[in-house]
């Protein structure tokens, strides 16, 4: 069975984080790594003020509906890209890039770390260079992209079942 890690870097919305948790749970993702300024559920030794951690936890729960307690996750300021490579993960950015592979044409590796970027600007330039390859979801309407949690669901479904 394919091993899947999701890295959500600099996602602003607690509702998007909750939806990503719920999608990860439904599709059997091994771990969700929240990084940068992405909000995250309360940790046992949480460094945040209790009222802030509680508020964010409540907001994430609104869309995660308990999945935040089921999906293994970690929070870090910056993901350990070298460790992922040492564990034989292929780091794949979900991003519109000139050399991105259209998702329907993409054959995922057995160990994949799928990188999600900011809601408006996508994956930060300093992270683009850490990705081994890119996939994109073809668009047929007038909009240029999907909401990050919707895009995560589409991509993860493809990765899990192809």
N, C-alpha and C. Protein backbone atom coordinates (compact mmCIF):
# COMPACT_ATOMS: atom_id res chain seq x y z
N UNK A 1 0.84 -1.18 0.00
CA UNK A 1 0.00 0.00 0.00
C UNK A 1 0.89 1.25 0.00
N UNK A 2 0.52 2.21 -0.78
CA UNK A 2 1.27 3.45 -0.93
C UNK A 2 1.34 4.20 0.40
N UNK A 3 2.51 4.76 0.71
CA UNK A 3 2.69 5.58 1.91
C UNK A 3 2.57 7.04 1.50
N UNK A 4 1.67 7.77 2.17
CA UNK A 4 1.39 9.16 1.80
C UNK A 4 1.56 10.07 3.01
N UNK A 5 2.36 11.10 2.82
CA UNK A 5 2.49 12.19 3.79
C UNK A 5 2.01 13.45 3.09
N UNK A 6 1.29 14.29 3.81
CA UNK A 6 0.87 15.58 3.28
C UNK A 6 1.59 16.66 4.07
N UNK A 7 2.17 17.62 3.36
CA UNK A 7 2.81 18.76 4.00
C UNK A 7 2.00 19.99 3.63
N UNK A 8 1.39 20.61 4.63
CA UNK A 8 0.57 21.81 4.42
C UNK A 8 1.35 23.00 4.97
N UNK A 9 1.95 23.77 4.09
CA UNK A 9 2.82 24.88 4.51
C UNK A 9 2.13 26.22 4.30
N UNK A 10 2.08 27.00 5.35
CA UNK A 10 1.54 28.37 5.32
C UNK A 10 0.09 28.44 4.84
N UNK A 11 -0.72 27.52 5.33
CA UNK A 11 -2.16 27.57 5.06
C UNK A 11 -2.76 28.48 6.13
N UNK A 12 -3.45 29.52 5.75
CA UNK A 12 -4.00 30.48 6.73
C UNK A 12 -5.28 30.02 7.41
N UNK A 13 -6.15 29.39 6.69
CA UNK A 13 -7.51 29.12 7.18
C UNK A 13 -7.59 27.87 8.05
N UNK A 14 -8.17 28.04 9.24
CA UNK A 14 -8.40 26.88 10.10
C UNK A 14 -9.42 25.94 9.45
N UNK A 15 -10.34 26.49 8.69
CA UNK A 15 -11.33 25.65 8.02
C UNK A 15 -10.69 24.80 6.94
N UNK A 16 -9.72 25.35 6.22
CA UNK A 16 -8.99 24.56 5.23
C UNK A 16 -8.18 23.47 5.93
N UNK A 17 -7.54 23.81 7.04
CA UNK A 17 -6.76 22.81 7.78
C UNK A 17 -7.69 21.69 8.25
N UNK A 18 -8.85 22.04 8.78
CA UNK A 18 -9.81 21.03 9.22
C UNK A 18 -10.26 20.13 8.08
N UNK A 19 -10.55 20.74 6.93
CA UNK A 19 -10.97 19.96 5.76
C UNK A 19 -9.84 19.05 5.27
N UNK A 20 -8.62 19.53 5.34
CA UNK A 20 -7.47 18.70 4.94
C UNK A 20 -7.32 17.52 5.91
N UNK A 21 -7.48 17.76 7.20
CA UNK A 21 -7.46 16.66 8.18
C UNK A 21 -8.51 15.61 7.82
N UNK A 22 -9.71 16.07 7.53
CA UNK A 22 -10.82 15.14 7.26
C UNK A 22 -10.55 14.34 5.99
N UNK A 23 -10.02 14.98 4.96
CA UNK A 23 -9.68 14.29 3.72
C UNK A 23 -8.55 13.29 3.96
N UNK A 24 -7.54 13.70 4.73
CA UNK A 24 -6.42 12.79 5.04
C UNK A 24 -6.92 11.55 5.77
N UNK A 25 -7.85 11.74 6.69
CA UNK A 25 -8.40 10.60 7.44
C UNK A 25 -9.16 9.67 6.49
N UNK A 26 -9.98 10.25 5.64
CA UNK A 26 -10.80 9.45 4.73
C UNK A 26 -9.99 8.68 3.71
N UNK A 27 -8.83 9.19 3.36
CA UNK A 27 -8.02 8.54 2.33
C UNK A 27 -6.78 7.85 2.89
N UNK A 28 -6.74 7.67 4.20
CA UNK A 28 -5.68 6.87 4.81
C UNK A 28 -4.29 7.46 4.70
N UNK A 29 -4.18 8.77 4.82
CA UNK A 29 -2.86 9.40 4.79
C UNK A 29 -2.12 9.02 6.06
N UNK A 30 -0.83 8.71 5.93
CA UNK A 30 -0.03 8.26 7.07
C UNK A 30 0.27 9.37 8.07
N UNK A 31 0.49 10.59 7.55
CA UNK A 31 0.83 11.69 8.44
C UNK A 31 0.56 13.02 7.74
N UNK A 32 0.11 13.98 8.52
CA UNK A 32 -0.06 15.36 8.05
C UNK A 32 0.97 16.21 8.77
N UNK A 33 1.81 16.88 8.00
CA UNK A 33 2.81 17.79 8.56
C UNK A 33 2.31 19.21 8.31
N UNK A 34 2.06 19.94 9.39
CA UNK A 34 1.66 21.33 9.30
C UNK A 34 2.89 22.17 9.58
N UNK A 35 3.14 23.15 8.70
CA UNK A 35 4.37 23.92 8.87
C UNK A 35 4.15 25.39 8.55
N UNK A 36 5.18 26.17 8.86
CA UNK A 36 5.09 27.61 8.66
C UNK A 36 4.07 28.19 9.62
N UNK A 37 3.23 29.09 9.10
CA UNK A 37 2.22 29.71 9.96
C UNK A 37 0.87 28.97 9.92
N UNK A 38 0.85 27.77 9.38
CA UNK A 38 -0.39 26.98 9.37
C UNK A 38 -0.89 26.76 10.80
N UNK A 39 -2.18 27.00 11.04
CA UNK A 39 -2.72 26.69 12.37
C UNK A 39 -2.72 25.17 12.59
N UNK A 40 -2.62 24.78 13.85
CA UNK A 40 -2.56 23.35 14.15
C UNK A 40 -3.32 23.07 15.44
N UNK A 41 -3.81 21.81 15.59
CA UNK A 41 -4.53 21.44 16.80
C UNK A 41 -3.62 21.54 18.03
N UNK A 42 -4.26 21.55 19.16
CA UNK A 42 -3.55 21.66 20.44
C UNK A 42 -2.60 20.48 20.62
N UNK A 43 -1.39 20.78 21.09
CA UNK A 43 -0.37 19.77 21.35
C UNK A 43 -0.26 19.52 22.85
N UNK A 44 0.24 18.35 23.26
CA UNK A 44 0.39 18.07 24.70
C UNK A 44 1.24 19.13 25.42
N UNK A 45 2.32 19.54 24.82
CA UNK A 45 3.18 20.59 25.41
C UNK A 45 3.11 21.82 24.51
N UNK A 46 1.93 22.36 24.37
CA UNK A 46 1.71 23.44 23.41
C UNK A 46 2.39 24.73 23.85
N UNK A 47 3.21 25.33 22.97
CA UNK A 47 3.91 26.57 23.33
C UNK A 47 3.02 27.82 23.25
N UNK A 48 1.83 27.68 22.64
CA UNK A 48 0.94 28.83 22.48
C UNK A 48 0.19 29.11 23.78
N UNK A 49 -0.28 30.33 23.93
CA UNK A 49 -1.13 30.65 25.07
C UNK A 49 -2.36 29.75 25.02
N UNK A 50 -2.82 29.25 26.17
CA UNK A 50 -3.94 28.29 26.18
C UNK A 50 -5.18 28.78 25.45
N UNK A 51 -5.55 30.04 25.62
CA UNK A 51 -6.78 30.52 24.96
C UNK A 51 -6.63 30.57 23.44
N UNK A 52 -5.43 30.81 22.95
CA UNK A 52 -5.18 30.81 21.50
C UNK A 52 -5.22 29.38 20.96
N UNK A 53 -4.55 28.45 21.65
CA UNK A 53 -4.56 27.05 21.22
C UNK A 53 -5.98 26.50 21.24
N UNK A 54 -6.75 26.83 22.27
CA UNK A 54 -8.14 26.35 22.36
C UNK A 54 -9.01 26.92 21.24
N UNK A 55 -8.83 28.20 20.95
CA UNK A 55 -9.61 28.84 19.88
C UNK A 55 -9.32 28.19 18.53
N UNK A 56 -8.04 27.99 18.22
CA UNK A 56 -7.66 27.37 16.94
C UNK A 56 -8.16 25.93 16.88
N UNK A 57 -8.06 25.21 17.98
CA UNK A 57 -8.54 23.83 18.03
C UNK A 57 -10.04 23.77 17.73
N UNK A 58 -10.79 24.69 18.31
CA UNK A 58 -12.24 24.74 18.09
C UNK A 58 -12.57 25.04 16.63
N UNK A 59 -11.83 25.96 16.03
CA UNK A 59 -12.07 26.33 14.64
C UNK A 59 -11.71 25.18 13.70
N UNK A 60 -10.59 24.50 13.94
CA UNK A 60 -10.19 23.36 13.11
C UNK A 60 -11.23 22.25 13.22
N UNK A 61 -11.72 22.03 14.44
CA UNK A 61 -12.70 20.96 14.68
C UNK A 61 -13.99 21.16 13.89
N UNK A 62 -14.36 22.41 13.61
CA UNK A 62 -15.61 22.68 12.89
C UNK A 62 -15.67 21.99 11.54
N UNK A 63 -14.54 21.89 10.86
CA UNK A 63 -14.55 21.20 9.56
C UNK A 63 -13.89 19.82 9.63
N UNK A 64 -13.02 19.59 10.61
CA UNK A 64 -12.38 18.28 10.73
C UNK A 64 -13.31 17.24 11.36
N UNK A 65 -14.22 17.70 12.22
CA UNK A 65 -15.20 16.83 12.87
C UNK A 65 -14.58 15.60 13.54
N UNK A 66 -13.47 15.80 14.22
CA UNK A 66 -12.82 14.72 14.94
C UNK A 66 -11.65 14.08 14.21
N UNK A 67 -11.51 14.33 12.93
CA UNK A 67 -10.39 13.75 12.18
C UNK A 67 -9.05 14.27 12.70
N UNK A 68 -9.07 15.46 13.31
CA UNK A 68 -7.83 16.02 13.87
C UNK A 68 -7.30 15.18 15.04
N UNK A 69 -8.16 14.33 15.58
CA UNK A 69 -7.74 13.43 16.66
C UNK A 69 -7.39 12.03 16.13
N UNK A 70 -7.62 11.80 14.85
CA UNK A 70 -7.38 10.48 14.26
C UNK A 70 -6.15 10.43 13.36
N UNK A 71 -5.84 11.53 12.72
CA UNK A 71 -4.73 11.56 11.77
C UNK A 71 -3.44 11.94 12.50
N UNK A 72 -2.41 11.09 12.41
CA UNK A 72 -1.13 11.49 13.00
C UNK A 72 -0.66 12.80 12.34
N UNK A 73 -0.24 13.75 13.17
CA UNK A 73 0.23 15.02 12.62
C UNK A 73 1.38 15.55 13.45
N UNK A 74 2.10 16.46 12.85
CA UNK A 74 3.14 17.19 13.58
C UNK A 74 3.12 18.63 13.11
N UNK A 75 3.66 19.48 13.93
CA UNK A 75 3.83 20.88 13.53
C UNK A 75 5.31 21.20 13.58
N UNK A 76 5.77 21.91 12.55
CA UNK A 76 7.15 22.35 12.50
C UNK A 76 7.20 23.68 11.76
N UNK A 77 8.17 24.49 12.09
CA UNK A 77 8.34 25.74 11.36
C UNK A 77 8.78 25.48 9.92
N UNK A 78 9.60 24.45 9.74
CA UNK A 78 10.17 24.12 8.44
C UNK A 78 10.31 22.61 8.32
N UNK A 79 9.70 21.98 7.31
CA UNK A 79 9.79 20.52 7.17
C UNK A 79 11.23 20.03 6.97
N UNK A 80 11.48 18.81 7.39
CA UNK A 80 12.80 18.21 7.24
C UNK A 80 12.85 17.47 5.89
N UNK A 81 13.19 18.23 4.87
CA UNK A 81 13.21 17.69 3.50
C UNK A 81 14.23 16.57 3.35
N UNK A 82 15.39 16.73 3.98
CA UNK A 82 16.43 15.71 3.87
C UNK A 82 15.97 14.38 4.47
N UNK A 83 15.29 14.45 5.61
CA UNK A 83 14.78 13.23 6.24
C UNK A 83 13.77 12.53 5.34
N UNK A 84 12.91 13.30 4.68
CA UNK A 84 11.95 12.70 3.76
C UNK A 84 12.66 11.96 2.64
N UNK A 85 13.71 12.58 2.08
CA UNK A 85 14.48 11.92 1.03
C UNK A 85 15.18 10.66 1.56
N UNK A 86 15.73 10.74 2.77
CA UNK A 86 16.39 9.58 3.37
C UNK A 86 15.41 8.43 3.59
N UNK A 87 14.13 8.76 3.80
CA UNK A 87 13.10 7.74 3.99
C UNK A 87 12.47 7.34 2.65
N UNK A 88 13.10 7.75 1.56
CA UNK A 88 12.70 7.40 0.19
C UNK A 88 11.34 7.96 -0.23
N UNK A 89 10.99 9.13 0.32
CA UNK A 89 9.79 9.82 -0.14
C UNK A 89 10.14 10.69 -1.33
N UNK A 90 9.26 10.69 -2.30
CA UNK A 90 9.37 11.60 -3.43
C UNK A 90 8.54 12.83 -3.05
N UNK A 91 9.15 14.01 -3.06
CA UNK A 91 8.48 15.24 -2.66
C UNK A 91 7.82 15.84 -3.90
N UNK A 92 6.49 15.88 -3.86
CA UNK A 92 5.70 16.28 -5.03
C UNK A 92 4.88 17.52 -4.67
N UNK A 93 5.14 18.61 -5.38
CA UNK A 93 4.39 19.84 -5.15
C UNK A 93 3.11 19.86 -5.97
N UNK A 94 2.01 20.19 -5.33
CA UNK A 94 0.74 20.37 -6.04
C UNK A 94 0.69 21.84 -6.42
N UNK A 95 1.13 22.13 -7.64
CA UNK A 95 1.37 23.52 -8.03
C UNK A 95 1.36 23.66 -9.55
N UNK A 96 0.83 24.76 -10.02
CA UNK A 96 0.89 25.06 -11.44
C UNK A 96 2.29 25.54 -11.78
N UNK A 97 2.98 24.73 -12.54
CA UNK A 97 4.35 25.01 -12.96
C UNK A 97 4.47 24.65 -14.44
N UNK A 98 5.40 25.30 -15.14
CA UNK A 98 5.54 24.98 -16.58
C UNK A 98 5.81 23.50 -16.86
N UNK A 99 6.54 22.83 -15.96
CA UNK A 99 6.88 21.42 -16.18
C UNK A 99 6.05 20.47 -15.31
N UNK A 100 4.93 20.95 -14.76
CA UNK A 100 4.07 20.10 -13.93
C UNK A 100 3.37 19.05 -14.81
N UNK A 101 3.14 17.90 -14.21
CA UNK A 101 2.44 16.81 -14.89
C UNK A 101 0.95 16.94 -14.55
N UNK A 102 0.11 16.87 -15.55
CA UNK A 102 -1.33 16.91 -15.31
C UNK A 102 -1.71 15.69 -14.48
N UNK A 103 -2.49 15.90 -13.45
CA UNK A 103 -2.82 14.83 -12.51
C UNK A 103 -3.34 13.56 -13.19
N UNK A 104 -4.20 13.64 -14.21
CA UNK A 104 -4.66 12.39 -14.84
C UNK A 104 -3.53 11.58 -15.49
N UNK A 105 -2.43 12.24 -15.83
CA UNK A 105 -1.30 11.56 -16.49
C UNK A 105 -0.21 11.14 -15.51
N UNK A 106 -0.41 11.40 -14.23
CA UNK A 106 0.63 11.18 -13.22
C UNK A 106 0.51 9.81 -12.57
N UNK A 107 1.62 9.10 -12.53
CA UNK A 107 1.70 7.83 -11.81
C UNK A 107 2.47 8.08 -10.53
N UNK A 108 1.80 8.04 -9.39
CA UNK A 108 2.47 8.36 -8.13
C UNK A 108 3.45 7.27 -7.68
N UNK A 109 4.51 7.69 -6.99
CA UNK A 109 5.46 6.72 -6.44
C UNK A 109 4.88 5.99 -5.23
N UNK A 110 5.55 4.98 -4.75
CA UNK A 110 5.06 4.22 -3.60
C UNK A 110 5.17 5.00 -2.30
N UNK A 111 6.09 5.95 -2.23
CA UNK A 111 6.26 6.80 -1.05
C UNK A 111 6.23 8.25 -1.53
N UNK A 112 5.16 8.95 -1.18
CA UNK A 112 4.98 10.31 -1.69
C UNK A 112 4.71 11.28 -0.54
N UNK A 113 5.37 12.43 -0.62
CA UNK A 113 5.10 13.55 0.29
C UNK A 113 4.49 14.64 -0.59
N UNK A 114 3.19 14.87 -0.45
CA UNK A 114 2.48 15.84 -1.27
C UNK A 114 2.50 17.19 -0.57
N UNK A 115 3.03 18.20 -1.24
CA UNK A 115 3.18 19.53 -0.66
C UNK A 115 2.05 20.43 -1.14
N UNK A 116 1.38 21.06 -0.16
CA UNK A 116 0.33 22.04 -0.42
C UNK A 116 0.83 23.41 0.01
N UNK A 117 0.52 24.43 -0.77
CA UNK A 117 0.99 25.78 -0.43
C UNK A 117 -0.13 26.72 -0.06
N UNK A 118 0.24 27.96 0.10
CA UNK A 118 -0.67 29.03 0.53
C UNK A 118 -1.92 29.10 -0.34
N UNK A 119 -3.00 29.56 0.27
CA UNK A 119 -4.27 29.67 -0.44
C UNK A 119 -4.18 30.58 -1.66
N UNK A 120 -3.49 31.70 -1.58
CA UNK A 120 -3.46 32.66 -2.69
C UNK A 120 -2.22 32.49 -3.56
N UNK A 121 -1.06 32.40 -2.93
CA UNK A 121 0.20 32.41 -3.69
C UNK A 121 0.77 31.03 -3.99
N UNK A 122 0.17 29.98 -3.48
CA UNK A 122 0.68 28.64 -3.76
C UNK A 122 1.92 28.31 -2.94
N UNK A 123 2.73 27.41 -3.46
CA UNK A 123 3.93 26.97 -2.76
C UNK A 123 4.99 28.06 -2.83
N UNK A 124 5.56 28.39 -1.68
CA UNK A 124 6.57 29.45 -1.58
C UNK A 124 7.81 29.09 -2.41
N UNK A 125 8.46 30.10 -3.01
CA UNK A 125 9.64 29.84 -3.85
C UNK A 125 10.73 29.01 -3.16
N UNK A 126 10.94 29.25 -1.87
CA UNK A 126 11.99 28.50 -1.17
C UNK A 126 11.63 27.02 -0.99
N UNK A 127 10.35 26.69 -1.15
CA UNK A 127 9.93 25.28 -1.06
C UNK A 127 9.87 24.65 -2.45
N UNK A 128 9.60 25.44 -3.47
CA UNK A 128 9.57 24.90 -4.83
C UNK A 128 10.87 24.15 -5.14
N UNK A 129 11.98 24.70 -4.68
CA UNK A 129 13.29 24.09 -4.97
C UNK A 129 13.48 22.77 -4.22
N UNK A 130 12.67 22.50 -3.21
CA UNK A 130 12.77 21.25 -2.44
C UNK A 130 11.97 20.12 -3.10
N UNK A 131 11.09 20.47 -4.01
CA UNK A 131 10.23 19.46 -4.66
C UNK A 131 10.98 18.71 -5.76
N UNK A 132 10.73 17.41 -5.82
CA UNK A 132 11.33 16.58 -6.87
C UNK A 132 10.58 16.71 -8.18
N UNK A 133 9.28 16.97 -8.09
CA UNK A 133 8.44 17.13 -9.27
C UNK A 133 7.15 17.81 -8.87
N UNK A 134 6.35 18.16 -9.88
CA UNK A 134 5.11 18.88 -9.64
C UNK A 134 3.97 18.22 -10.40
N UNK A 135 2.79 18.28 -9.78
CA UNK A 135 1.56 17.86 -10.44
C UNK A 135 0.59 19.02 -10.38
N UNK A 136 -0.30 19.07 -11.35
CA UNK A 136 -1.33 20.10 -11.34
C UNK A 136 -2.66 19.49 -11.75
N UNK A 137 -3.71 20.13 -11.29
CA UNK A 137 -5.05 19.68 -11.62
C UNK A 137 -5.54 20.52 -12.79
N UNK A 138 -5.86 19.91 -13.93
CA UNK A 138 -6.35 20.69 -15.07
C UNK A 138 -7.64 21.43 -14.71
N UNK A 139 -7.76 22.64 -15.21
CA UNK A 139 -8.93 23.48 -14.96
C UNK A 139 -9.68 23.66 -16.27
N UNK A 140 -11.00 23.60 -16.22
CA UNK A 140 -11.80 23.74 -17.43
C UNK A 140 -12.72 24.96 -17.39
N UNK A 141 -12.83 25.61 -16.25
CA UNK A 141 -13.67 26.80 -16.13
C UNK A 141 -12.83 28.06 -16.29
N UNK A 142 -13.32 29.13 -15.72
CA UNK A 142 -12.63 30.41 -15.82
C UNK A 142 -11.66 30.65 -14.68
N UNK A 143 -11.84 29.99 -13.56
CA UNK A 143 -10.95 30.16 -12.42
C UNK A 143 -9.62 29.48 -12.70
N UNK A 144 -8.57 29.98 -12.05
CA UNK A 144 -7.23 29.44 -12.27
C UNK A 144 -6.86 28.28 -11.36
N UNK A 145 -7.58 28.15 -10.23
CA UNK A 145 -7.22 27.09 -9.30
C UNK A 145 -8.40 26.74 -8.41
N UNK A 146 -8.25 25.60 -7.72
CA UNK A 146 -9.23 25.16 -6.72
C UNK A 146 -8.81 25.67 -5.35
N UNK A 147 -9.75 25.69 -4.42
CA UNK A 147 -9.42 25.92 -3.02
C UNK A 147 -8.42 24.85 -2.59
N UNK A 148 -7.49 25.19 -1.72
CA UNK A 148 -6.42 24.27 -1.35
C UNK A 148 -6.95 22.97 -0.75
N UNK A 149 -8.01 23.03 0.04
CA UNK A 149 -8.52 21.78 0.62
C UNK A 149 -9.21 20.92 -0.44
N UNK A 150 -9.87 21.55 -1.39
CA UNK A 150 -10.50 20.81 -2.50
C UNK A 150 -9.41 20.19 -3.38
N UNK A 151 -8.38 20.97 -3.70
CA UNK A 151 -7.27 20.46 -4.51
C UNK A 151 -6.59 19.29 -3.81
N UNK A 152 -6.42 19.40 -2.50
CA UNK A 152 -5.82 18.30 -1.74
C UNK A 152 -6.66 17.04 -1.89
N UNK A 153 -7.98 17.17 -1.79
CA UNK A 153 -8.86 16.02 -1.92
C UNK A 153 -8.77 15.36 -3.29
N UNK A 154 -8.77 16.19 -4.33
CA UNK A 154 -8.67 15.66 -5.68
C UNK A 154 -7.35 14.92 -5.87
N UNK A 155 -6.26 15.55 -5.47
CA UNK A 155 -4.93 14.95 -5.66
C UNK A 155 -4.76 13.70 -4.81
N UNK A 156 -5.19 13.75 -3.56
CA UNK A 156 -5.03 12.58 -2.70
C UNK A 156 -5.87 11.39 -3.17
N UNK A 157 -7.04 11.65 -3.70
CA UNK A 157 -7.86 10.57 -4.24
C UNK A 157 -7.11 9.89 -5.40
N UNK A 158 -6.53 10.70 -6.27
CA UNK A 158 -5.76 10.16 -7.40
C UNK A 158 -4.56 9.34 -6.88
N UNK A 159 -3.84 9.93 -5.94
CA UNK A 159 -2.64 9.26 -5.41
C UNK A 159 -3.01 7.94 -4.72
N UNK A 160 -4.10 7.93 -3.98
CA UNK A 160 -4.49 6.72 -3.24
C UNK A 160 -4.97 5.60 -4.18
N UNK A 161 -5.71 5.95 -5.22
CA UNK A 161 -6.37 4.90 -6.01
C UNK A 161 -5.76 4.62 -7.38
N UNK A 162 -4.72 5.32 -7.76
CA UNK A 162 -4.11 4.99 -9.05
C UNK A 162 -3.09 3.90 -8.89
